């Protein structure tokens, strides 16, 4: 029997869980995120509490946590840009290596995208490092495609990343006249 997977929006009191998952993600894939492991380890625990509290209720940014058999095993952030055109993004995706084969990443992306769509997004974007072919294939399999937009990565200027987009399916259908 395969383990059950669930995804829930972070709760206001889950700063410690958020810190545990963020440091685990940075240990396993330090190249894939905007922060460094040193930043996460040196940050005051209260800063993770503040982020969890904000992400639990905000209408513009949230974190979703993947659970396997009730244990935290991954996370993703979903947010809207502050500036026009207020694009919606999924980012900071990480799933524990031991459960990646269970499709938790897909569940996280779909849940975060659903939340963004409920908040009005019609397109979901994701920046993916050009050198991370596994991540590129993962997002492409979920229906993301290239926008043609590229940029240098802030933490590794010698590397580039590409902006991918997935259109949110319309839930309304046209009425025949």
N, C-alpha and C. Protein backbone atom coordinates (compact mmCIF):
# COMPACT_ATOMS: atom_id res chain seq x y z
N UNK A 1 0.84 -1.18 0.00
CA UNK A 1 0.00 0.00 0.00
C UNK A 1 0.88 1.24 0.00
N UNK A 2 0.56 2.20 -0.86
CA UNK A 2 1.37 3.42 -0.91
C UNK A 2 0.90 4.41 0.14
N UNK A 3 1.82 5.21 0.64
CA UNK A 3 1.46 6.20 1.67
C UNK A 3 0.49 7.23 1.11
N UNK A 4 -0.36 7.74 2.00
CA UNK A 4 -1.28 8.78 1.56
C UNK A 4 -0.59 10.13 1.61
N UNK A 5 -0.88 10.94 0.61
CA UNK A 5 -0.33 12.29 0.53
C UNK A 5 -1.45 13.29 0.69
N UNK A 6 -1.17 14.34 1.43
CA UNK A 6 -2.11 15.45 1.55
C UNK A 6 -1.31 16.74 1.48
N UNK A 7 -1.98 17.79 1.06
CA UNK A 7 -1.38 19.12 1.05
C UNK A 7 -2.33 20.05 1.79
N UNK A 8 -1.76 20.83 2.69
CA UNK A 8 -2.54 21.83 3.42
C UNK A 8 -1.79 23.15 3.44
N UNK A 9 -2.57 24.22 3.45
CA UNK A 9 -1.97 25.54 3.59
C UNK A 9 -1.31 25.60 4.96
N UNK A 10 -0.17 26.27 5.02
CA UNK A 10 0.55 26.41 6.28
C UNK A 10 -0.36 27.06 7.32
N UNK A 11 -0.25 26.64 8.56
CA UNK A 11 -1.00 27.24 9.65
C UNK A 11 -0.11 28.29 10.33
N UNK A 12 -0.75 29.23 10.98
CA UNK A 12 -0.02 30.33 11.61
C UNK A 12 1.00 29.87 12.64
N UNK A 13 0.76 28.72 13.26
CA UNK A 13 1.67 28.25 14.31
C UNK A 13 2.71 27.23 13.81
N UNK A 14 2.93 27.19 12.49
CA UNK A 14 3.85 26.19 11.93
C UNK A 14 5.21 26.75 11.53
N UNK A 15 5.68 27.76 12.22
CA UNK A 15 7.00 28.31 11.93
C UNK A 15 8.10 27.27 12.05
N UNK A 16 8.02 26.41 13.05
CA UNK A 16 9.06 25.38 13.24
C UNK A 16 9.03 24.36 12.10
N UNK A 17 7.85 24.00 11.63
CA UNK A 17 7.73 23.06 10.51
C UNK A 17 8.29 23.72 9.24
N UNK A 18 7.95 24.99 9.05
CA UNK A 18 8.46 25.72 7.89
C UNK A 18 9.99 25.77 7.92
N UNK A 19 10.55 26.06 9.07
CA UNK A 19 12.02 26.11 9.21
C UNK A 19 12.65 24.74 8.92
N UNK A 20 12.04 23.69 9.45
CA UNK A 20 12.55 22.33 9.24
C UNK A 20 12.58 21.99 7.75
N UNK A 21 11.49 22.28 7.04
CA UNK A 21 11.42 21.97 5.61
C UNK A 21 12.35 22.86 4.80
N UNK A 22 12.42 24.13 5.14
CA UNK A 22 13.29 25.04 4.39
C UNK A 22 14.74 24.65 4.56
N UNK A 23 15.18 24.33 5.77
CA UNK A 23 16.58 23.94 5.95
C UNK A 23 16.85 22.60 5.27
N UNK A 24 15.90 21.68 5.31
CA UNK A 24 16.09 20.40 4.61
C UNK A 24 16.23 20.62 3.11
N UNK A 25 15.42 21.52 2.56
CA UNK A 25 15.50 21.79 1.12
C UNK A 25 16.84 22.42 0.75
N UNK A 26 17.33 23.30 1.59
CA UNK A 26 18.61 23.96 1.31
C UNK A 26 19.80 23.02 1.50
N UNK A 27 19.66 22.06 2.40
CA UNK A 27 20.73 21.05 2.56
C UNK A 27 20.81 20.17 1.32
N UNK A 28 19.65 19.79 0.81
CA UNK A 28 19.60 18.83 -0.28
C UNK A 28 19.82 19.48 -1.64
N UNK A 29 19.36 20.71 -1.82
CA UNK A 29 19.47 21.38 -3.12
C UNK A 29 19.80 22.87 -2.93
N UNK A 30 21.00 23.17 -2.43
CA UNK A 30 21.34 24.56 -2.11
C UNK A 30 21.33 25.50 -3.31
N UNK A 31 21.46 24.96 -4.49
CA UNK A 31 21.51 25.75 -5.72
C UNK A 31 20.13 26.20 -6.19
N UNK A 32 19.08 25.61 -5.65
CA UNK A 32 17.75 25.77 -6.22
C UNK A 32 16.90 26.89 -5.59
N UNK A 33 17.40 27.54 -4.59
CA UNK A 33 16.57 28.51 -3.88
C UNK A 33 17.29 29.84 -3.73
N UNK A 34 16.52 30.88 -3.44
CA UNK A 34 17.07 32.22 -3.31
C UNK A 34 17.90 32.42 -2.06
N UNK A 35 17.61 31.69 -1.01
CA UNK A 35 18.34 31.82 0.25
C UNK A 35 19.44 30.77 0.32
N UNK A 36 20.29 30.91 1.31
CA UNK A 36 21.33 29.91 1.54
C UNK A 36 21.03 29.15 2.83
N UNK A 37 21.63 27.99 2.97
CA UNK A 37 21.47 27.23 4.20
C UNK A 37 21.96 28.04 5.40
N UNK A 38 23.07 28.73 5.21
CA UNK A 38 23.61 29.56 6.29
C UNK A 38 22.60 30.62 6.72
N UNK A 39 21.92 31.24 5.74
CA UNK A 39 20.89 32.23 6.06
C UNK A 39 19.79 31.60 6.92
N UNK A 40 19.32 30.44 6.49
CA UNK A 40 18.22 29.78 7.19
C UNK A 40 18.63 29.34 8.59
N UNK A 41 19.85 28.80 8.72
CA UNK A 41 20.29 28.34 10.03
C UNK A 41 20.58 29.48 11.00
N UNK A 42 21.01 30.61 10.47
CA UNK A 42 21.33 31.74 11.35
C UNK A 42 20.12 32.62 11.65
N UNK A 43 19.03 32.42 10.93
CA UNK A 43 17.83 33.23 11.15
C UNK A 43 17.20 32.87 12.49
N UNK A 44 16.68 33.87 13.13
CA UNK A 44 15.96 33.68 14.39
C UNK A 44 14.72 32.83 14.12
N UNK A 45 14.43 31.90 14.98
CA UNK A 45 13.25 31.04 14.82
C UNK A 45 11.98 31.88 14.70
N UNK A 46 11.96 33.03 15.35
CA UNK A 46 10.78 33.90 15.30
C UNK A 46 10.51 34.39 13.88
N UNK A 47 11.56 34.51 13.05
CA UNK A 47 11.34 34.97 11.68
C UNK A 47 10.54 33.95 10.88
N UNK A 48 10.71 32.65 11.16
CA UNK A 48 9.93 31.61 10.51
C UNK A 48 8.49 31.64 11.02
N UNK A 49 8.33 31.98 12.30
CA UNK A 49 6.98 32.11 12.87
C UNK A 49 6.23 33.25 12.18
N UNK A 50 6.92 34.35 11.93
CA UNK A 50 6.30 35.51 11.26
C UNK A 50 5.87 35.14 9.84
N UNK A 51 6.75 34.45 9.12
CA UNK A 51 6.41 34.04 7.75
C UNK A 51 5.21 33.09 7.76
N UNK A 52 5.22 32.10 8.64
CA UNK A 52 4.10 31.15 8.71
C UNK A 52 2.80 31.89 9.01
N UNK A 53 2.84 32.80 9.97
CA UNK A 53 1.63 33.54 10.33
C UNK A 53 1.11 34.35 9.15
N UNK A 54 2.01 34.99 8.42
CA UNK A 54 1.60 35.79 7.25
C UNK A 54 1.06 34.89 6.14
N UNK A 55 1.79 33.82 5.82
CA UNK A 55 1.40 32.95 4.71
C UNK A 55 0.12 32.16 5.00
N UNK A 56 -0.27 32.07 6.26
CA UNK A 56 -1.48 31.35 6.63
C UNK A 56 -2.75 32.13 6.28
N UNK A 57 -2.64 33.46 6.17
CA UNK A 57 -3.85 34.27 5.99
C UNK A 57 -3.80 35.24 4.82
N UNK A 58 -2.65 35.47 4.25
CA UNK A 58 -2.50 36.46 3.19
C UNK A 58 -3.29 36.08 1.94
N UNK A 59 -3.74 37.09 1.21
CA UNK A 59 -4.41 36.88 -0.07
C UNK A 59 -3.43 37.00 -1.23
N UNK A 60 -2.15 37.31 -0.94
CA UNK A 60 -1.17 37.50 -2.01
C UNK A 60 0.01 36.55 -1.94
N UNK A 61 0.19 35.86 -0.82
CA UNK A 61 1.30 34.91 -0.70
C UNK A 61 0.91 33.81 0.28
N UNK A 62 1.30 32.59 -0.06
CA UNK A 62 1.02 31.47 0.84
C UNK A 62 2.07 30.38 0.65
N UNK A 63 2.16 29.54 1.64
CA UNK A 63 2.98 28.34 1.58
C UNK A 63 2.07 27.15 1.81
N UNK A 64 2.31 26.09 1.03
CA UNK A 64 1.56 24.86 1.18
C UNK A 64 2.54 23.76 1.55
N UNK A 65 2.10 22.89 2.46
CA UNK A 65 2.96 21.82 2.96
C UNK A 65 2.40 20.47 2.54
N UNK A 66 3.29 19.63 2.04
CA UNK A 66 2.97 18.25 1.67
C UNK A 66 3.20 17.37 2.89
N UNK A 67 2.24 16.49 3.14
CA UNK A 67 2.36 15.53 4.23
C UNK A 67 2.24 14.13 3.65
N UNK A 68 3.06 13.24 4.15
CA UNK A 68 2.93 11.82 3.84
C UNK A 68 2.72 11.10 5.16
N UNK A 69 1.59 10.43 5.26
CA UNK A 69 1.21 9.75 6.50
C UNK A 69 1.29 10.71 7.69
N UNK A 70 0.93 11.96 7.46
CA UNK A 70 0.89 12.96 8.52
C UNK A 70 2.21 13.66 8.81
N UNK A 71 3.29 13.27 8.14
CA UNK A 71 4.60 13.87 8.38
C UNK A 71 4.94 14.87 7.28
N UNK A 72 5.44 16.06 7.63
CA UNK A 72 5.80 17.05 6.60
C UNK A 72 6.89 16.50 5.69
N UNK A 73 6.67 16.63 4.37
CA UNK A 73 7.61 16.05 3.41
C UNK A 73 7.89 16.95 2.22
N UNK A 74 7.37 18.17 2.22
CA UNK A 74 7.61 19.07 1.10
C UNK A 74 6.86 20.37 1.27
N UNK A 75 7.19 21.32 0.41
CA UNK A 75 6.52 22.61 0.47
C UNK A 75 6.64 23.34 -0.86
N UNK A 76 5.79 24.36 -1.01
CA UNK A 76 5.81 25.23 -2.18
C UNK A 76 5.26 26.58 -1.75
N UNK A 77 5.78 27.63 -2.38
CA UNK A 77 5.22 28.97 -2.17
C UNK A 77 4.42 29.36 -3.39
N UNK A 78 3.34 30.07 -3.17
CA UNK A 78 2.54 30.66 -4.23
C UNK A 78 2.38 32.14 -3.90
N UNK A 79 2.60 33.00 -4.89
CA UNK A 79 2.45 34.43 -4.61
C UNK A 79 2.11 35.22 -5.86
N UNK A 80 1.60 36.41 -5.63
CA UNK A 80 1.37 37.37 -6.70
C UNK A 80 2.44 38.44 -6.62
N UNK A 81 2.90 38.90 -7.78
CA UNK A 81 3.83 40.02 -7.82
C UNK A 81 3.12 41.26 -7.29
N UNK A 82 3.90 42.14 -6.67
CA UNK A 82 3.33 43.39 -6.17
C UNK A 82 3.05 44.36 -7.30
N UNK A 83 3.91 44.37 -8.31
CA UNK A 83 3.80 45.33 -9.40
C UNK A 83 2.91 44.79 -10.52
N UNK A 84 2.40 45.71 -11.31
CA UNK A 84 1.62 45.32 -12.49
C UNK A 84 2.54 44.54 -13.42
N UNK A 85 2.10 43.54 -14.06
CA UNK A 85 0.72 43.10 -14.23
C UNK A 85 0.23 42.13 -13.17
N UNK A 86 0.87 42.08 -12.01
CA UNK A 86 0.46 41.21 -10.89
C UNK A 86 0.40 39.74 -11.30
N UNK A 87 1.51 39.25 -11.83
CA UNK A 87 1.58 37.85 -12.24
C UNK A 87 1.60 36.93 -11.02
N UNK A 88 1.10 35.71 -11.22
CA UNK A 88 1.03 34.70 -10.16
C UNK A 88 2.15 33.69 -10.37
N UNK A 89 2.84 33.35 -9.29
CA UNK A 89 3.99 32.45 -9.35
C UNK A 89 3.88 31.30 -8.36
N UNK A 90 4.45 30.16 -8.76
CA UNK A 90 4.77 29.09 -7.83
C UNK A 90 6.29 29.06 -7.76
N UNK A 91 6.83 28.84 -6.56
CA UNK A 91 8.29 28.84 -6.40
C UNK A 91 8.65 28.11 -5.11
N UNK A 92 9.95 27.95 -4.94
CA UNK A 92 10.47 27.33 -3.71
C UNK A 92 9.91 25.93 -3.50
N UNK A 93 9.65 25.21 -4.59
CA UNK A 93 9.13 23.84 -4.51
C UNK A 93 10.23 22.90 -4.05
N UNK A 94 9.91 22.08 -3.09
CA UNK A 94 10.83 21.03 -2.65
C UNK A 94 10.02 19.87 -2.08
N UNK A 95 10.44 18.67 -2.44
CA UNK A 95 9.85 17.44 -1.91
C UNK A 95 11.00 16.56 -1.43
N UNK A 96 10.84 15.99 -0.26
CA UNK A 96 11.87 15.11 0.29
C UNK A 96 12.19 14.00 -0.71
N UNK A 97 13.47 13.72 -0.95
CA UNK A 97 13.85 12.71 -1.94
C UNK A 97 13.17 11.35 -1.73
N UNK A 98 12.95 10.95 -0.50
CA UNK A 98 12.38 9.64 -0.22
C UNK A 98 10.94 9.48 -0.70
N UNK A 99 10.25 10.60 -0.96
CA UNK A 99 8.85 10.50 -1.39
C UNK A 99 8.59 11.14 -2.75
N UNK A 100 9.63 11.51 -3.47
CA UNK A 100 9.44 12.15 -4.78
C UNK A 100 8.69 11.26 -5.76
N UNK A 101 8.90 9.98 -5.69
CA UNK A 101 8.24 9.06 -6.61
C UNK A 101 6.73 8.99 -6.41
N UNK A 102 6.21 9.57 -5.35
CA UNK A 102 4.78 9.50 -5.04
C UNK A 102 3.96 10.63 -5.66
N UNK A 103 4.61 11.49 -6.45
CA UNK A 103 3.95 12.59 -7.16
C UNK A 103 3.50 13.72 -6.24
N UNK A 104 4.20 13.89 -5.13
CA UNK A 104 3.89 14.98 -4.21
C UNK A 104 4.18 16.34 -4.81
N UNK A 105 5.19 16.43 -5.66
CA UNK A 105 5.49 17.70 -6.32
C UNK A 105 4.33 18.16 -7.18
N UNK A 106 3.76 17.22 -7.91
CA UNK A 106 2.60 17.53 -8.75
C UNK A 106 1.43 18.01 -7.89
N UNK A 107 1.20 17.33 -6.78
CA UNK A 107 0.13 17.71 -5.87
C UNK A 107 0.36 19.11 -5.30
N UNK A 108 1.60 19.41 -4.95
CA UNK A 108 1.92 20.75 -4.43
C UNK A 108 1.68 21.83 -5.49
N UNK A 109 2.19 21.61 -6.70
CA UNK A 109 2.01 22.60 -7.77
C UNK A 109 0.53 22.80 -8.07
N UNK A 110 -0.22 21.70 -8.16
CA UNK A 110 -1.64 21.82 -8.47
C UNK A 110 -2.41 22.53 -7.36
N UNK A 111 -2.08 22.24 -6.10
CA UNK A 111 -2.76 22.90 -4.98
C UNK A 111 -2.43 24.39 -4.95
N UNK A 112 -1.16 24.73 -5.10
CA UNK A 112 -0.75 26.13 -5.11
C UNK A 112 -1.38 26.87 -6.29
N UNK A 113 -1.39 26.22 -7.46
CA UNK A 113 -2.00 26.83 -8.64
C UNK A 113 -3.49 27.03 -8.44
N UNK A 114 -4.15 26.08 -7.81
CA UNK A 114 -5.57 26.21 -7.52
C UNK A 114 -5.86 27.38 -6.61
N UNK A 115 -5.03 27.57 -5.60
CA UNK A 115 -5.19 28.71 -4.70
C UNK A 115 -5.02 30.02 -5.47
N UNK A 116 -3.98 30.09 -6.31
CA UNK A 116 -3.76 31.29 -7.11
C UNK A 116 -4.94 31.56 -8.04
N UNK A 117 -5.47 30.51 -8.66
CA UNK A 117 -6.62 30.66 -9.55
C UNK A 117 -7.84 31.16 -8.78
N UNK A 118 -8.04 30.64 -7.57
CA UNK A 118 -9.17 31.11 -6.75
C UNK A 118 -9.02 32.57 -6.36
N UNK A 119 -7.79 33.06 -6.35
CA UNK A 119 -7.53 34.47 -6.04
C UNK A 119 -7.50 35.32 -7.31
N UNK A 120 -7.83 34.72 -8.46
CA UNK A 120 -7.98 35.49 -9.69
C UNK A 120 -6.94 35.27 -10.77
N UNK A 121 -5.95 34.43 -10.54
CA UNK A 121 -4.93 34.20 -11.56
C UNK A 121 -5.50 33.44 -12.74
N UNK A 122 -5.11 33.84 -13.93
CA UNK A 122 -5.48 33.11 -15.15
C UNK A 122 -4.26 32.45 -15.78
N UNK A 123 -3.07 32.82 -15.28
CA UNK A 123 -1.81 32.23 -15.72
C UNK A 123 -0.93 32.05 -14.50
N UNK A 124 -0.21 30.94 -14.47
CA UNK A 124 0.72 30.65 -13.37
C UNK A 124 2.12 30.58 -13.97
N UNK A 125 3.06 31.26 -13.33
CA UNK A 125 4.44 31.32 -13.81
C UNK A 125 5.38 30.60 -12.85
N UNK A 126 6.51 30.15 -13.38
CA UNK A 126 7.57 29.54 -12.57
C UNK A 126 8.91 29.82 -13.23
N UNK A 127 9.88 30.31 -12.46
CA UNK A 127 11.25 30.44 -12.95
C UNK A 127 11.96 29.13 -12.70
N UNK A 128 12.63 28.61 -13.73
CA UNK A 128 13.34 27.34 -13.60
C UNK A 128 14.74 27.50 -14.17
N UNK A 129 15.73 27.05 -13.41
CA UNK A 129 17.12 27.13 -13.85
C UNK A 129 17.29 26.31 -15.13
N UNK A 130 17.91 26.91 -16.13
CA UNK A 130 18.12 26.22 -17.40
C UNK A 130 18.93 24.94 -17.23
N UNK A 131 19.83 24.93 -16.26
CA UNK A 131 20.69 23.76 -16.04
C UNK A 131 19.97 22.63 -15.29
N UNK A 132 18.80 22.90 -14.72
CA UNK A 132 18.08 21.90 -13.96
C UNK A 132 17.07 21.20 -14.87
N UNK A 133 17.58 20.27 -15.67
CA UNK A 133 16.74 19.58 -16.66
C UNK A 133 15.61 18.78 -16.01
N UNK A 134 15.85 18.21 -14.83
CA UNK A 134 14.79 17.47 -14.16
C UNK A 134 13.62 18.38 -13.81
N UNK A 135 13.92 19.56 -13.27
CA UNK A 135 12.86 20.51 -12.93
C UNK A 135 12.15 21.00 -14.19
N UNK A 136 12.92 21.24 -15.24
CA UNK A 136 12.31 21.70 -16.49
C UNK A 136 11.33 20.65 -17.02
N UNK A 137 11.75 19.39 -17.05
CA UNK A 137 10.87 18.31 -17.51
C UNK A 137 9.65 18.16 -16.61
N UNK A 138 9.85 18.31 -15.30
CA UNK A 138 8.75 18.21 -14.34
C UNK A 138 7.68 19.25 -14.65
N UNK A 139 8.10 20.51 -14.78
CA UNK A 139 7.13 21.58 -15.05
C UNK A 139 6.48 21.42 -16.42
N UNK A 140 7.24 21.01 -17.42
CA UNK A 140 6.67 20.79 -18.75
C UNK A 140 5.62 19.69 -18.71
N UNK A 141 5.84 18.65 -17.93
CA UNK A 141 4.87 17.56 -17.81
C UNK A 141 3.58 18.04 -17.15
N UNK A 142 3.66 19.11 -16.38
CA UNK A 142 2.48 19.67 -15.72
C UNK A 142 1.78 20.73 -16.57
N UNK A 143 2.25 20.90 -17.80
CA UNK A 143 1.58 21.84 -18.70
C UNK A 143 2.19 23.22 -18.78
N UNK A 144 3.35 23.41 -18.17
CA UNK A 144 4.05 24.69 -18.27
C UNK A 144 4.83 24.72 -19.58
N UNK A 145 4.89 25.88 -20.19
CA UNK A 145 5.66 26.04 -21.42
C UNK A 145 6.48 27.32 -21.35
N UNK A 146 7.40 27.50 -22.29
CA UNK A 146 8.29 28.66 -22.26
C UNK A 146 7.56 29.96 -22.61
N UNK A 147 7.98 31.03 -21.95
CA UNK A 147 7.48 32.37 -22.29
C UNK A 147 8.46 33.07 -23.21
N UNK A 148 9.69 32.58 -23.26
CA UNK A 148 10.75 33.25 -24.00
C UNK A 148 11.53 34.23 -23.14
N UNK A 149 11.11 34.41 -21.90
CA UNK A 149 11.78 35.34 -20.99
C UNK A 149 12.88 34.59 -20.22
N UNK A 150 14.06 35.19 -20.18
CA UNK A 150 15.21 34.61 -19.48
C UNK A 150 15.87 35.68 -18.63
N UNK A 151 16.59 35.25 -17.61
CA UNK A 151 17.36 36.18 -16.78
C UNK A 151 18.50 35.43 -16.12
N UNK A 152 19.47 36.18 -15.65
CA UNK A 152 20.58 35.61 -14.88
C UNK A 152 20.08 35.36 -13.46
N UNK A 153 20.55 34.28 -12.86
CA UNK A 153 20.14 33.95 -11.50
C UNK A 153 20.87 34.85 -10.51
N UNK A 154 20.14 35.37 -9.55
CA UNK A 154 20.70 36.31 -8.57
C UNK A 154 21.86 35.69 -7.79
N UNK A 155 21.69 34.45 -7.32
CA UNK A 155 22.72 33.80 -6.51
C UNK A 155 23.86 33.21 -7.33
N UNK A 156 23.63 33.01 -8.63
CA UNK A 156 24.65 32.42 -9.50
C UNK A 156 24.57 33.11 -10.86
N UNK A 157 25.13 34.34 -10.96
CA UNK A 157 25.00 35.12 -12.19
C UNK A 157 25.54 34.45 -13.45
N UNK A 158 26.37 33.43 -13.27
CA UNK A 158 26.89 32.72 -14.44
C UNK A 158 25.85 31.75 -15.02
N UNK A 159 24.74 31.57 -14.30
CA UNK A 159 23.69 30.68 -14.75
C UNK A 159 22.44 31.47 -15.11
N UNK A 160 21.64 30.90 -16.00
CA UNK A 160 20.40 31.55 -16.43
C UNK A 160 19.21 30.71 -16.01
N UNK A 161 18.07 31.38 -15.97
CA UNK A 161 16.82 30.68 -15.72
C UNK A 161 15.77 31.18 -16.70
N UNK A 162 14.81 30.32 -16.96
CA UNK A 162 13.77 30.62 -17.92
C UNK A 162 12.42 30.71 -17.22
N UNK A 163 11.59 31.61 -17.71
CA UNK A 163 10.25 31.77 -17.16
C UNK A 163 9.30 30.87 -17.93
N UNK A 164 8.60 30.03 -17.18
CA UNK A 164 7.60 29.13 -17.76
C UNK A 164 6.21 29.61 -17.37
N UNK A 165 5.23 29.23 -18.17
CA UNK A 165 3.85 29.65 -17.92
C UNK A 165 2.90 28.47 -18.10
N UNK A 166 1.86 28.45 -17.29
CA UNK A 166 0.77 27.49 -17.44
C UNK A 166 -0.53 28.27 -17.38
N UNK A 167 -1.37 28.09 -18.36
CA UNK A 167 -2.65 28.77 -18.39
C UNK A 167 -3.65 28.02 -17.52
N UNK A 168 -4.41 28.77 -16.75
CA UNK A 168 -5.42 28.18 -15.88
C UNK A 168 -6.64 27.87 -16.74
N UNK A 169 -7.10 26.64 -16.73
CA UNK A 169 -8.29 26.32 -17.52
C UNK A 169 -9.50 27.12 -17.04
N UNK A 170 -10.26 27.60 -17.98
CA UNK A 170 -11.46 28.36 -17.66
C UNK A 170 -12.50 27.42 -17.07
N UNK A 171 -13.18 27.88 -16.03
CA UNK A 171 -14.22 27.07 -15.42
C UNK A 171 -15.60 27.41 -15.98
N UNK A 172 -15.65 28.44 -16.83
CA UNK A 172 -16.93 28.81 -17.45
C UNK A 172 -16.91 28.40 -18.88
N UNK A 173 -18.03 28.03 -19.39
CA UNK A 173 -18.11 27.66 -20.79
C UNK A 173 -18.98 28.67 -21.53
N UNK A 174 -18.70 28.84 -22.79
CA UNK A 174 -19.46 29.79 -23.59
C UNK A 174 -20.86 29.25 -23.82
N UNK A 175 -21.82 30.13 -23.78
CA UNK A 175 -23.20 29.76 -24.01
C UNK A 175 -23.52 30.00 -25.48
N UNK A 176 -24.08 28.99 -26.13
CA UNK A 176 -24.45 29.14 -27.53
C UNK A 176 -25.63 30.10 -27.64
N UNK A 177 -25.56 30.98 -28.66
CA UNK A 177 -26.67 31.91 -28.85
C UNK A 177 -27.63 31.42 -29.89
